[in-house]
Amino acid sequence: SSGINAEWPLRPGLKALDLPTSGIKTTLIERIQLHFAEEDKQEEEADDEVEEVEAEVEEADAEESELLKENQPAAEYIEVKKTEETTEAAEPEKELTDDDKKKARAEKFGLQTDDKKERSTDCDSA
């Protein structure tokens, strides 16, 4: 993209680009063409750098993903562990009687159990 056409004023254009305005028309055109060629080259280099950084980021993401996979426990272990936790949690509930459950609930909510009520009544009458 040279940016030059027949209607483009050479000297004001050079001045706008902070380039020298002295010389014959062919020299001025060459100066402008060189400027835009260098600008295109710099843009290409910047694009290449961006592509390199993007590739490095993708590579780092892939490595991180692979490390995370390696640090995960095997699916069989997870299933066995869940089953054991479920079994352990279910067993204590089966062992509790209704009275034990009522006592546990009363303690949880800070209520007096029947045993404590009887004791406080015994102490009051003494």
N, C-alpha and C. Protein backbone atom coordinates (compact mmCIF):
# COMPACT_ATOMS: atom_id res chain seq x y z
N SER A 1 0.84 -1.18 0.00
CA SER A 1 0.00 0.00 0.00
C SER A 1 0.88 1.24 0.00
N SER A 2 1.19 1.75 -1.19
CA SER A 2 2.11 2.88 -1.32
C SER A 2 1.49 4.17 -0.83
N GLY A 3 0.17 4.33 -0.92
CA GLY A 3 -0.48 5.52 -0.44
C GLY A 3 -0.32 6.71 -1.38
N ILE A 4 0.25 6.49 -2.55
CA ILE A 4 0.50 7.58 -3.49
C ILE A 4 -0.45 7.45 -4.67
N ASN A 5 -1.05 8.56 -5.07
CA ASN A 5 -1.80 8.59 -6.32
C ASN A 5 -1.55 9.93 -7.00
N ALA A 6 -2.02 10.08 -8.19
CA ALA A 6 -1.71 11.27 -9.00
C ALA A 6 -2.21 12.55 -8.33
N GLU A 7 -3.27 12.45 -7.55
CA GLU A 7 -3.84 13.65 -6.95
C GLU A 7 -3.23 13.98 -5.57
N TRP A 8 -2.42 13.11 -5.07
CA TRP A 8 -1.82 13.31 -3.75
C TRP A 8 -0.73 14.36 -3.85
N PRO A 9 -0.84 15.47 -3.11
CA PRO A 9 0.19 16.53 -3.20
C PRO A 9 1.48 16.06 -2.54
N LEU A 10 2.56 16.02 -3.31
CA LEU A 10 3.82 15.45 -2.83
C LEU A 10 4.43 16.22 -1.65
N ARG A 11 4.68 17.49 -1.81
CA ARG A 11 5.39 18.24 -0.77
C ARG A 11 4.57 18.32 0.53
N PRO A 12 3.26 18.66 0.48
CA PRO A 12 2.49 18.65 1.74
C PRO A 12 2.40 17.25 2.36
N GLY A 13 2.34 16.24 1.51
CA GLY A 13 2.31 14.85 2.00
C GLY A 13 3.59 14.48 2.70
N LEU A 14 4.72 14.85 2.10
CA LEU A 14 6.02 14.60 2.74
C LEU A 14 6.12 15.33 4.07
N LYS A 15 5.66 16.57 4.08
CA LYS A 15 5.71 17.38 5.30
C LYS A 15 4.87 16.73 6.40
N ALA A 16 3.68 16.22 6.02
CA ALA A 16 2.79 15.56 6.99
C ALA A 16 3.44 14.30 7.56
N LEU A 17 4.30 13.66 6.77
CA LEU A 17 4.99 12.45 7.23
C LEU A 17 6.34 12.76 7.88
N ASP A 18 6.63 14.04 8.09
CA ASP A 18 7.91 14.50 8.66
C ASP A 18 9.10 14.04 7.82
N LEU A 19 8.94 14.08 6.49
CA LEU A 19 10.02 13.71 5.58
C LEU A 19 10.51 14.97 4.86
N PRO A 20 11.77 14.98 4.42
CA PRO A 20 12.29 16.14 3.70
C PRO A 20 11.49 16.41 2.42
N THR A 21 11.29 17.69 2.10
CA THR A 21 10.46 18.07 0.94
C THR A 21 11.30 18.57 -0.23
N SER A 22 12.61 18.52 -0.11
CA SER A 22 13.46 19.03 -1.20
C SER A 22 13.75 17.93 -2.21
N GLY A 23 13.97 18.32 -3.45
CA GLY A 23 14.34 17.38 -4.49
C GLY A 23 13.35 17.40 -5.64
N ILE A 24 13.69 16.60 -6.68
CA ILE A 24 12.81 16.53 -7.84
C ILE A 24 11.68 15.55 -7.58
N LYS A 25 10.70 15.58 -8.45
CA LYS A 25 9.48 14.79 -8.26
C LYS A 25 9.80 13.30 -8.08
N THR A 26 10.69 12.74 -8.89
CA THR A 26 11.02 11.31 -8.78
C THR A 26 11.62 10.99 -7.41
N THR A 27 12.48 11.86 -6.91
CA THR A 27 13.09 11.66 -5.60
C THR A 27 12.03 11.72 -4.50
N LEU A 28 11.10 12.66 -4.63
CA LEU A 28 10.03 12.78 -3.64
C LEU A 28 9.16 11.52 -3.61
N ILE A 29 8.84 11.00 -4.81
CA ILE A 29 8.02 9.78 -4.90
C ILE A 29 8.76 8.60 -4.28
N GLU A 30 10.06 8.48 -4.61
CA GLU A 30 10.86 7.38 -4.05
C GLU A 30 10.90 7.47 -2.52
N ARG A 31 11.05 8.71 -2.02
CA ARG A 31 11.11 8.94 -0.57
C ARG A 31 9.80 8.47 0.09
N ILE A 32 8.67 8.80 -0.52
CA ILE A 32 7.37 8.40 0.03
C ILE A 32 7.19 6.88 -0.06
N GLN A 33 7.58 6.30 -1.21
CA GLN A 33 7.46 4.84 -1.37
C GLN A 33 8.31 4.11 -0.34
N LEU A 34 9.52 4.60 -0.11
CA LEU A 34 10.41 3.99 0.89
C LEU A 34 9.79 4.09 2.28
N HIS A 35 9.19 5.25 2.57
CA HIS A 35 8.54 5.44 3.88
C HIS A 35 7.44 4.40 4.09
N PHE A 36 6.56 4.25 3.09
CA PHE A 36 5.44 3.31 3.24
C PHE A 36 5.92 1.86 3.24
N ALA A 37 7.00 1.56 2.50
CA ALA A 37 7.55 0.20 2.51
C ALA A 37 8.08 -0.14 3.90
N GLU A 38 8.77 0.82 4.52
CA GLU A 38 9.29 0.61 5.88
C GLU A 38 8.14 0.46 6.87
N GLU A 39 7.11 1.27 6.69
CA GLU A 39 5.94 1.19 7.57
C GLU A 39 5.27 -0.18 7.45
N ASP A 40 5.12 -0.67 6.21
CA ASP A 40 4.53 -2.00 5.99
C ASP A 40 5.38 -3.08 6.65
N LYS A 41 6.73 -2.94 6.51
CA LYS A 41 7.64 -3.92 7.11
C LYS A 41 7.48 -3.94 8.63
N GLN A 42 7.39 -2.76 9.24
CA GLN A 42 7.22 -2.68 10.69
C GLN A 42 5.90 -3.31 11.13
N GLU A 43 4.84 -3.09 10.34
CA GLU A 43 3.55 -3.69 10.67
C GLU A 43 3.63 -5.21 10.59
N GLU A 44 4.30 -5.71 9.56
CA GLU A 44 4.46 -7.16 9.41
C GLU A 44 5.24 -7.75 10.58
N GLU A 45 6.32 -7.04 10.99
CA GLU A 45 7.11 -7.51 12.12
C GLU A 45 6.28 -7.52 13.40
N ALA A 46 5.47 -6.49 13.58
CA ALA A 46 4.60 -6.43 14.76
C ALA A 46 3.59 -7.56 14.73
N ASP A 47 3.03 -7.84 13.54
CA ASP A 47 2.08 -8.94 13.41
C ASP A 47 2.76 -10.27 13.73
N ASP A 48 4.01 -10.43 13.26
CA ASP A 48 4.75 -11.66 13.54
C ASP A 48 4.97 -11.82 15.04
N GLU A 49 5.31 -10.72 15.72
CA GLU A 49 5.53 -10.78 17.17
C GLU A 49 4.25 -11.17 17.89
N VAL A 50 3.12 -10.61 17.45
CA VAL A 50 1.83 -10.95 18.06
C VAL A 50 1.54 -12.43 17.86
N GLU A 51 1.79 -12.93 16.66
CA GLU A 51 1.56 -14.35 16.38
C GLU A 51 2.45 -15.24 17.25
N GLU A 52 3.72 -14.82 17.45
CA GLU A 52 4.63 -15.59 18.30
C GLU A 52 4.13 -15.63 19.73
N VAL A 53 3.69 -14.49 20.24
CA VAL A 53 3.19 -14.43 21.62
C VAL A 53 1.94 -15.29 21.75
N GLU A 54 1.05 -15.21 20.78
CA GLU A 54 -0.17 -16.03 20.82
C GLU A 54 0.18 -17.51 20.82
N ALA A 55 1.16 -17.89 20.01
CA ALA A 55 1.59 -19.30 19.96
C ALA A 55 2.16 -19.73 21.31
N GLU A 56 2.96 -18.85 21.94
CA GLU A 56 3.53 -19.16 23.24
C GLU A 56 2.43 -19.32 24.29
N VAL A 57 1.42 -18.46 24.23
CA VAL A 57 0.32 -18.54 25.19
C VAL A 57 -0.45 -19.85 24.99
N GLU A 58 -0.71 -20.20 23.74
CA GLU A 58 -1.42 -21.46 23.46
C GLU A 58 -0.61 -22.65 23.97
N GLU A 59 0.70 -22.61 23.75
CA GLU A 59 1.57 -23.70 24.21
C GLU A 59 1.56 -23.80 25.73
N ALA A 60 1.63 -22.65 26.40
CA ALA A 60 1.60 -22.64 27.87
C ALA A 60 0.27 -23.15 28.38
N ASP A 61 -0.83 -22.76 27.73
CA ASP A 61 -2.15 -23.26 28.12
C ASP A 61 -2.24 -24.77 27.96
N ALA A 62 -1.68 -25.28 26.86
CA ALA A 62 -1.71 -26.73 26.63
C ALA A 62 -0.90 -27.46 27.70
N GLU A 63 0.28 -26.91 28.05
CA GLU A 63 1.10 -27.53 29.09
C GLU A 63 0.39 -27.51 30.43
N GLU A 64 -0.25 -26.38 30.75
CA GLU A 64 -0.97 -26.27 32.02
C GLU A 64 -2.12 -27.27 32.06
N SER A 65 -2.83 -27.37 30.95
CA SER A 65 -3.95 -28.31 30.88
C SER A 65 -3.46 -29.75 31.09
N GLU A 66 -2.33 -30.07 30.48
CA GLU A 66 -1.76 -31.41 30.61
C GLU A 66 -1.34 -31.67 32.06
N LEU A 67 -0.74 -30.67 32.71
CA LEU A 67 -0.34 -30.83 34.11
C LEU A 67 -1.56 -31.04 35.00
N LEU A 68 -2.63 -30.30 34.72
CA LEU A 68 -3.84 -30.46 35.52
C LEU A 68 -4.40 -31.86 35.36
N LYS A 69 -4.37 -32.38 34.13
CA LYS A 69 -4.87 -33.75 33.89
C LYS A 69 -4.03 -34.76 34.67
N GLU A 70 -2.71 -34.55 34.68
CA GLU A 70 -1.81 -35.48 35.37
C GLU A 70 -2.06 -35.47 36.87
N ASN A 71 -2.44 -34.34 37.43
CA ASN A 71 -2.63 -34.23 38.87
C ASN A 71 -4.02 -34.63 39.33
N GLN A 72 -4.90 -35.05 38.44
CA GLN A 72 -6.25 -35.47 38.80
C GLN A 72 -6.22 -36.94 39.24
N PRO A 73 -6.96 -37.28 40.29
CA PRO A 73 -7.02 -38.70 40.67
C PRO A 73 -7.78 -39.49 39.61
N ALA A 74 -7.50 -40.76 39.56
CA ALA A 74 -8.17 -41.62 38.59
C ALA A 74 -9.67 -41.65 38.86
N ALA A 75 -10.46 -41.78 37.81
CA ALA A 75 -11.92 -41.78 37.93
C ALA A 75 -12.39 -42.90 38.86
N GLU A 76 -11.72 -44.06 38.81
CA GLU A 76 -12.14 -45.18 39.66
C GLU A 76 -11.99 -44.80 41.13
N TYR A 77 -10.91 -44.09 41.46
CA TYR A 77 -10.68 -43.68 42.84
C TYR A 77 -11.78 -42.72 43.30
N ILE A 78 -12.15 -41.80 42.45
CA ILE A 78 -13.19 -40.83 42.80
C ILE A 78 -14.50 -41.55 43.08
N GLU A 79 -14.86 -42.51 42.24
CA GLU A 79 -16.10 -43.25 42.44
C GLU A 79 -16.06 -44.05 43.74
N VAL A 80 -14.95 -44.73 44.01
CA VAL A 80 -14.83 -45.51 45.24
C VAL A 80 -14.92 -44.59 46.45
N LYS A 81 -14.25 -43.46 46.40
CA LYS A 81 -14.25 -42.53 47.51
C LYS A 81 -15.66 -42.01 47.78
N LYS A 82 -16.40 -41.66 46.73
CA LYS A 82 -17.76 -41.18 46.91
C LYS A 82 -18.64 -42.25 47.55
N THR A 83 -18.48 -43.48 47.11
CA THR A 83 -19.27 -44.58 47.67
C THR A 83 -18.96 -44.76 49.15
N GLU A 84 -17.67 -44.70 49.51
CA GLU A 84 -17.29 -44.85 50.91
C GLU A 84 -17.87 -43.72 51.76
N GLU A 85 -17.80 -42.49 51.26
CA GLU A 85 -18.34 -41.35 52.00
C GLU A 85 -19.84 -41.49 52.20
N THR A 86 -20.54 -41.93 51.17
CA THR A 86 -21.99 -42.11 51.26
C THR A 86 -22.32 -43.19 52.27
N THR A 87 -21.59 -44.28 52.25
CA THR A 87 -21.83 -45.37 53.19
C THR A 87 -21.57 -44.93 54.62
N GLU A 88 -20.45 -44.22 54.83
CA GLU A 88 -20.11 -43.76 56.18
C GLU A 88 -21.15 -42.78 56.70
N ALA A 89 -21.64 -41.92 55.87
CA ALA A 89 -22.61 -40.92 56.30
C ALA A 89 -23.95 -41.58 56.61
N ALA A 90 -24.29 -42.62 55.90
CA ALA A 90 -25.59 -43.26 56.09
C ALA A 90 -25.61 -44.15 57.33
N GLU A 91 -24.50 -44.76 57.67
CA GLU A 91 -24.47 -45.71 58.78
C GLU A 91 -24.84 -45.10 60.14
N PRO A 92 -24.29 -43.95 60.53
CA PRO A 92 -24.63 -43.43 61.85
C PRO A 92 -26.12 -43.11 62.00
N GLU A 93 -26.78 -42.69 60.94
CA GLU A 93 -28.20 -42.39 61.02
C GLU A 93 -29.01 -43.66 61.33
N LYS A 94 -28.62 -44.78 60.81
CA LYS A 94 -29.33 -46.04 61.05
C LYS A 94 -29.22 -46.45 62.53
N GLU A 95 -28.08 -46.14 63.16
CA GLU A 95 -27.84 -46.56 64.53
C GLU A 95 -28.61 -45.71 65.54
N LEU A 96 -29.02 -44.51 65.19
CA LEU A 96 -29.72 -43.63 66.13
C LEU A 96 -31.17 -44.07 66.33
N THR A 97 -31.59 -44.05 67.56
CA THR A 97 -33.00 -44.34 67.84
C THR A 97 -33.77 -43.04 67.72
N ASP A 98 -35.08 -43.12 67.79
CA ASP A 98 -35.90 -41.91 67.72
C ASP A 98 -35.58 -40.97 68.87
N ASP A 99 -35.39 -41.54 70.08
CA ASP A 99 -35.05 -40.69 71.23
C ASP A 99 -33.70 -39.99 71.02
N ASP A 100 -32.73 -40.74 70.47
CA ASP A 100 -31.41 -40.14 70.20
C ASP A 100 -31.53 -39.01 69.19
N LYS A 101 -32.35 -39.20 68.19
CA LYS A 101 -32.55 -38.17 67.17
C LYS A 101 -33.19 -36.92 67.78
N LYS A 102 -34.17 -37.13 68.67
CA LYS A 102 -34.84 -36.00 69.32
C LYS A 102 -33.85 -35.23 70.19
N LYS A 103 -33.01 -35.97 70.93
CA LYS A 103 -32.01 -35.32 71.78
C LYS A 103 -31.02 -34.52 70.94
N ALA A 104 -30.56 -35.11 69.84
CA ALA A 104 -29.61 -34.43 68.97
C ALA A 104 -30.22 -33.16 68.38
N ARG A 105 -31.48 -33.25 67.97
CA ARG A 105 -32.17 -32.09 67.42
C ARG A 105 -32.35 -31.01 68.48
N ALA A 106 -32.70 -31.41 69.70
CA ALA A 106 -32.89 -30.45 70.79
C ALA A 106 -31.57 -29.75 71.11
N GLU A 107 -30.48 -30.50 71.14
CA GLU A 107 -29.17 -29.91 71.43
C GLU A 107 -28.75 -28.95 70.31
N LYS A 108 -29.08 -29.34 69.09
CA LYS A 108 -28.73 -28.52 67.93
C LYS A 108 -29.39 -27.15 68.02
N PHE A 109 -30.64 -27.12 68.45
CA PHE A 109 -31.38 -25.87 68.51
C PHE A 109 -31.37 -25.25 69.90
N GLY A 110 -30.62 -25.83 70.83
CA GLY A 110 -30.49 -25.26 72.17
C GLY A 110 -31.73 -25.45 73.04
N LEU A 111 -32.50 -26.48 72.78
CA LEU A 111 -33.71 -26.75 73.57
C LEU A 111 -33.39 -27.75 74.66
N GLN A 112 -34.21 -27.73 75.69
CA GLN A 112 -34.02 -28.71 76.76
C GLN A 112 -34.61 -30.04 76.33
N THR A 113 -33.91 -31.11 76.72
CA THR A 113 -34.43 -32.45 76.46
C THR A 113 -35.28 -32.85 77.64
N ASP A 114 -36.01 -33.92 77.50
CA ASP A 114 -36.87 -34.40 78.59
C ASP A 114 -36.05 -34.71 79.84
N ASP A 115 -34.83 -35.25 79.66
CA ASP A 115 -33.97 -35.58 80.79
C ASP A 115 -33.62 -34.32 81.59
N LYS A 116 -33.30 -33.24 80.91
CA LYS A 116 -32.91 -32.00 81.59
C LYS A 116 -34.12 -31.37 82.27
N LYS A 117 -35.29 -31.49 81.66
CA LYS A 117 -36.50 -30.94 82.27
C LYS A 117 -36.78 -31.65 83.60
N GLU A 118 -36.64 -32.99 83.60
CA GLU A 118 -36.89 -33.76 84.82
C GLU A 118 -35.89 -33.37 85.90
N ARG A 119 -34.61 -33.16 85.54
CA ARG A 119 -33.59 -32.80 86.51
C ARG A 119 -33.87 -31.42 87.09
N SER A 120 -34.26 -30.48 86.22
CA SER A 120 -34.51 -29.13 86.74
C SER A 120 -35.75 -29.13 87.63
N THR A 121 -36.74 -29.98 87.35
CA THR A 121 -37.94 -30.08 88.18
C THR A 121 -37.56 -30.69 89.52
N ASP A 122 -36.66 -31.70 89.50
CA ASP A 122 -36.21 -32.33 90.75
C ASP A 122 -35.47 -31.31 91.61
N CYS A 123 -34.65 -30.48 91.01
CA CYS A 123 -33.87 -29.49 91.76
C CYS A 123 -34.79 -28.41 92.32
N ASP A 124 -35.82 -28.04 91.59
CA ASP A 124 -36.73 -27.00 92.03
C ASP A 124 -37.50 -27.46 93.28
N SER A 125 -37.88 -28.72 93.33
CA SER A 125 -38.70 -29.19 94.44
C SER A 125 -37.83 -29.47 95.67
N ALA A 126 -36.53 -29.51 95.56
CA ALA A 126 -35.67 -29.81 96.71
C ALA A 126 -35.40 -28.63 97.56
